[in-house]
């Protein structure tokens, strides 16, 4: 379990984070948990931790992926889960 999942986030947000981590791992490999943790920290500093802002988080993560085709696969996986 990644550190953000042990945080004091609402259960639905924790579940979204886990889904994003799985999709990100498919795109960039085992470093996904650490990268997501860093992005979640940054994301929560910029506003409230609410599902309506998840798009901001996933958009930032797309930039981390780099490859457009892999990034599109990540987006598709996240959209299916979230």
N, C-alpha and C. Protein backbone atom coordinates (compact mmCIF):
# COMPACT_ATOMS: atom_id res chain seq x y z
N UNK A 1 0.85 -1.17 0.00
CA UNK A 1 0.00 0.00 0.00
C UNK A 1 0.90 1.24 0.00
N UNK A 2 0.61 2.14 -0.90
CA UNK A 2 1.39 3.36 -1.01
C UNK A 2 1.01 4.33 0.11
N UNK A 3 1.93 5.20 0.50
CA UNK A 3 1.71 6.11 1.62
C UNK A 3 0.44 6.94 1.49
N UNK A 4 0.14 7.44 0.30
CA UNK A 4 -1.06 8.28 0.17
C UNK A 4 -2.32 7.51 0.53
N UNK A 5 -2.32 6.20 0.32
CA UNK A 5 -3.49 5.39 0.62
C UNK A 5 -3.71 5.24 2.13
N UNK A 6 -2.67 5.53 2.92
CA UNK A 6 -2.82 5.47 4.38
C UNK A 6 -3.17 6.85 4.94
N UNK A 7 -3.24 7.84 4.09
CA UNK A 7 -3.51 9.20 4.53
C UNK A 7 -4.94 9.37 5.01
N UNK A 8 -5.24 10.59 5.34
CA UNK A 8 -6.58 10.87 5.86
C UNK A 8 -7.49 11.37 4.74
N UNK A 9 -7.44 10.69 3.61
CA UNK A 9 -8.29 11.03 2.49
C UNK A 9 -9.61 10.27 2.60
N UNK A 10 -10.67 10.83 2.05
CA UNK A 10 -11.94 10.08 2.02
C UNK A 10 -11.75 8.76 1.27
N UNK A 11 -12.48 7.72 1.64
CA UNK A 11 -12.31 6.41 1.00
C UNK A 11 -12.44 6.46 -0.52
N UNK A 12 -13.37 7.27 -1.04
CA UNK A 12 -13.54 7.31 -2.50
C UNK A 12 -12.31 7.91 -3.18
N UNK A 13 -11.64 8.84 -2.52
CA UNK A 13 -10.41 9.44 -3.07
C UNK A 13 -9.27 8.41 -3.00
N UNK A 14 -9.17 7.68 -1.92
CA UNK A 14 -8.14 6.64 -1.81
C UNK A 14 -8.31 5.61 -2.92
N UNK A 15 -9.55 5.24 -3.19
CA UNK A 15 -9.82 4.26 -4.25
C UNK A 15 -9.41 4.81 -5.62
N UNK A 16 -9.70 6.08 -5.86
CA UNK A 16 -9.30 6.72 -7.12
C UNK A 16 -7.78 6.72 -7.24
N UNK A 17 -7.09 7.07 -6.16
CA UNK A 17 -5.63 7.07 -6.18
C UNK A 17 -5.09 5.68 -6.53
N UNK A 18 -5.68 4.65 -5.96
CA UNK A 18 -5.24 3.28 -6.24
C UNK A 18 -5.46 2.92 -7.70
N UNK A 19 -6.60 3.33 -8.24
CA UNK A 19 -6.89 3.08 -9.66
C UNK A 19 -5.89 3.81 -10.55
N UNK A 20 -5.60 5.05 -10.19
CA UNK A 20 -4.63 5.84 -10.97
C UNK A 20 -3.26 5.19 -10.89
N UNK A 21 -2.87 4.72 -9.72
CA UNK A 21 -1.56 4.08 -9.56
C UNK A 21 -1.45 2.84 -10.44
N UNK A 22 -2.50 2.04 -10.49
CA UNK A 22 -2.48 0.85 -11.34
C UNK A 22 -2.32 1.23 -12.81
N UNK A 23 -3.08 2.23 -13.24
CA UNK A 23 -3.00 2.68 -14.64
C UNK A 23 -1.62 3.26 -14.93
N UNK A 24 -1.08 4.01 -13.98
CA UNK A 24 0.23 4.62 -14.16
C UNK A 24 1.32 3.55 -14.20
N UNK A 25 1.19 2.53 -13.39
CA UNK A 25 2.16 1.43 -13.40
C UNK A 25 2.17 0.73 -14.75
N UNK A 26 1.01 0.62 -15.38
CA UNK A 26 0.94 0.05 -16.71
C UNK A 26 1.67 0.91 -17.73
N UNK A 27 1.75 2.21 -17.46
CA UNK A 27 2.38 3.14 -18.39
C UNK A 27 3.88 3.32 -18.14
N UNK A 28 4.28 3.36 -16.87
CA UNK A 28 5.68 3.69 -16.59
C UNK A 28 6.41 2.66 -15.72
N UNK A 29 5.69 1.68 -15.23
CA UNK A 29 6.34 0.63 -14.45
C UNK A 29 6.25 0.81 -12.95
N UNK A 30 7.13 0.11 -12.23
CA UNK A 30 7.03 0.03 -10.77
C UNK A 30 7.29 1.34 -10.01
N UNK A 31 7.82 2.34 -10.65
CA UNK A 31 8.04 3.62 -9.97
C UNK A 31 6.74 4.42 -9.84
N UNK A 32 5.66 3.90 -10.38
CA UNK A 32 4.39 4.63 -10.40
C UNK A 32 3.94 5.10 -9.01
N UNK A 33 4.08 4.26 -8.01
CA UNK A 33 3.64 4.62 -6.66
C UNK A 33 4.37 5.82 -6.12
N UNK A 34 5.68 5.85 -6.29
CA UNK A 34 6.48 6.98 -5.79
C UNK A 34 6.16 8.26 -6.56
N UNK A 35 6.01 8.12 -7.86
CA UNK A 35 5.71 9.30 -8.68
C UNK A 35 4.34 9.84 -8.34
N UNK A 36 3.36 8.94 -8.21
CA UNK A 36 2.01 9.39 -7.86
C UNK A 36 2.02 10.08 -6.50
N UNK A 37 2.73 9.53 -5.55
CA UNK A 37 2.81 10.14 -4.22
C UNK A 37 3.28 11.59 -4.33
N UNK A 38 4.34 11.81 -5.09
CA UNK A 38 4.86 13.18 -5.26
C UNK A 38 3.82 14.09 -5.90
N UNK A 39 3.14 13.59 -6.91
CA UNK A 39 2.15 14.41 -7.59
C UNK A 39 0.93 14.67 -6.71
N UNK A 40 0.54 13.69 -5.91
CA UNK A 40 -0.60 13.88 -4.98
C UNK A 40 -0.25 14.97 -3.98
N UNK A 41 0.97 14.95 -3.45
CA UNK A 41 1.39 15.98 -2.50
C UNK A 41 1.27 17.38 -3.12
N UNK A 42 1.78 17.49 -4.32
CA UNK A 42 1.73 18.77 -5.04
C UNK A 42 0.28 19.17 -5.33
N UNK A 43 -0.51 18.23 -5.80
CA UNK A 43 -1.91 18.46 -6.16
C UNK A 43 -2.73 18.94 -4.97
N UNK A 44 -2.52 18.35 -3.80
CA UNK A 44 -3.33 18.73 -2.64
C UNK A 44 -2.95 20.11 -2.11
N UNK A 45 -1.74 20.56 -2.41
CA UNK A 45 -1.35 21.92 -2.00
C UNK A 45 -2.05 22.99 -2.83
N UNK A 46 -2.53 22.60 -4.01
CA UNK A 46 -3.14 23.56 -4.92
C UNK A 46 -4.65 23.69 -4.78
N UNK A 47 -5.25 22.95 -3.87
CA UNK A 47 -6.70 23.05 -3.70
C UNK A 47 -7.23 21.90 -2.87
N UNK A 48 -8.55 21.85 -2.75
CA UNK A 48 -9.17 20.80 -1.93
C UNK A 48 -9.01 19.42 -2.54
N UNK A 49 -8.98 18.41 -1.70
CA UNK A 49 -8.87 17.03 -2.14
C UNK A 49 -10.28 16.52 -2.41
N UNK A 50 -10.71 16.72 -3.66
CA UNK A 50 -12.05 16.31 -4.07
C UNK A 50 -11.97 15.63 -5.44
N UNK A 51 -12.91 14.75 -5.69
CA UNK A 51 -12.92 13.99 -6.95
C UNK A 51 -13.01 14.91 -8.17
N UNK A 52 -13.66 16.03 -8.03
CA UNK A 52 -13.81 16.96 -9.16
C UNK A 52 -12.46 17.49 -9.66
N UNK A 53 -11.43 17.42 -8.84
CA UNK A 53 -10.10 17.91 -9.22
C UNK A 53 -9.16 16.81 -9.72
N UNK A 54 -9.64 15.59 -9.79
CA UNK A 54 -8.78 14.48 -10.22
C UNK A 54 -8.23 14.73 -11.62
N UNK A 55 -8.99 15.37 -12.48
CA UNK A 55 -8.52 15.66 -13.83
C UNK A 55 -7.22 16.47 -13.81
N UNK A 56 -7.07 17.36 -12.84
CA UNK A 56 -5.83 18.13 -12.71
C UNK A 56 -4.65 17.20 -12.42
N UNK A 57 -4.88 16.23 -11.56
CA UNK A 57 -3.84 15.27 -11.20
C UNK A 57 -3.46 14.41 -12.39
N UNK A 58 -4.46 13.86 -13.08
CA UNK A 58 -4.16 12.98 -14.20
C UNK A 58 -3.51 13.75 -15.35
N UNK A 59 -3.89 14.99 -15.56
CA UNK A 59 -3.27 15.81 -16.60
C UNK A 59 -1.78 16.00 -16.31
N UNK A 60 -1.45 16.27 -15.07
CA UNK A 60 -0.05 16.42 -14.68
C UNK A 60 0.71 15.12 -14.89
N UNK A 61 0.08 14.00 -14.56
CA UNK A 61 0.74 12.70 -14.71
C UNK A 61 0.99 12.35 -16.18
N UNK A 62 0.12 12.79 -17.06
CA UNK A 62 0.31 12.54 -18.49
C UNK A 62 1.64 13.13 -18.95
N UNK A 63 1.97 14.30 -18.44
CA UNK A 63 3.24 14.93 -18.79
C UNK A 63 4.43 14.08 -18.33
N UNK A 64 4.27 13.37 -17.24
CA UNK A 64 5.32 12.50 -16.71
C UNK A 64 5.55 11.30 -17.63
N UNK A 65 4.51 10.85 -18.29
CA UNK A 65 4.59 9.66 -19.14
C UNK A 65 5.43 9.93 -20.39
N UNK A 66 5.20 11.06 -21.02
CA UNK A 66 6.03 11.42 -22.17
C UNK A 66 5.50 10.90 -23.50
N UNK A 67 5.45 9.60 -23.68
CA UNK A 67 5.03 9.00 -24.95
C UNK A 67 3.52 9.20 -25.17
N UNK A 68 3.12 9.84 -26.27
CA UNK A 68 1.70 10.14 -26.50
C UNK A 68 0.80 8.91 -26.53
N UNK A 69 1.25 7.84 -27.15
CA UNK A 69 0.42 6.63 -27.22
C UNK A 69 0.23 6.01 -25.84
N UNK A 70 1.30 5.91 -25.08
CA UNK A 70 1.23 5.37 -23.73
C UNK A 70 0.39 6.29 -22.84
N UNK A 71 0.51 7.58 -23.03
CA UNK A 71 -0.28 8.55 -22.26
C UNK A 71 -1.77 8.36 -22.56
N UNK A 72 -2.12 8.12 -23.81
CA UNK A 72 -3.52 7.91 -24.16
C UNK A 72 -4.06 6.62 -23.53
N UNK A 73 -3.24 5.59 -23.49
CA UNK A 73 -3.64 4.34 -22.83
C UNK A 73 -3.89 4.58 -21.35
N UNK A 74 -3.02 5.37 -20.72
CA UNK A 74 -3.19 5.72 -19.31
C UNK A 74 -4.52 6.45 -19.10
N UNK A 75 -4.79 7.43 -19.93
CA UNK A 75 -6.03 8.20 -19.81
C UNK A 75 -7.24 7.27 -19.96
N UNK A 76 -7.18 6.38 -20.93
CA UNK A 76 -8.30 5.45 -21.15
C UNK A 76 -8.52 4.55 -19.94
N UNK A 77 -7.42 4.06 -19.35
CA UNK A 77 -7.55 3.20 -18.17
C UNK A 77 -8.16 3.98 -16.99
N UNK A 78 -7.71 5.20 -16.81
CA UNK A 78 -8.22 6.01 -15.69
C UNK A 78 -9.71 6.32 -15.91
N UNK A 79 -10.06 6.68 -17.13
CA UNK A 79 -11.47 7.00 -17.42
C UNK A 79 -12.38 5.82 -17.18
N UNK A 80 -11.91 4.62 -17.48
CA UNK A 80 -12.72 3.41 -17.24
C UNK A 80 -12.96 3.18 -15.75
N UNK A 81 -11.96 3.50 -14.94
CA UNK A 81 -12.04 3.24 -13.50
C UNK A 81 -12.70 4.38 -12.73
N UNK A 82 -12.45 5.60 -13.16
CA UNK A 82 -12.94 6.76 -12.40
C UNK A 82 -14.21 7.20 -13.03
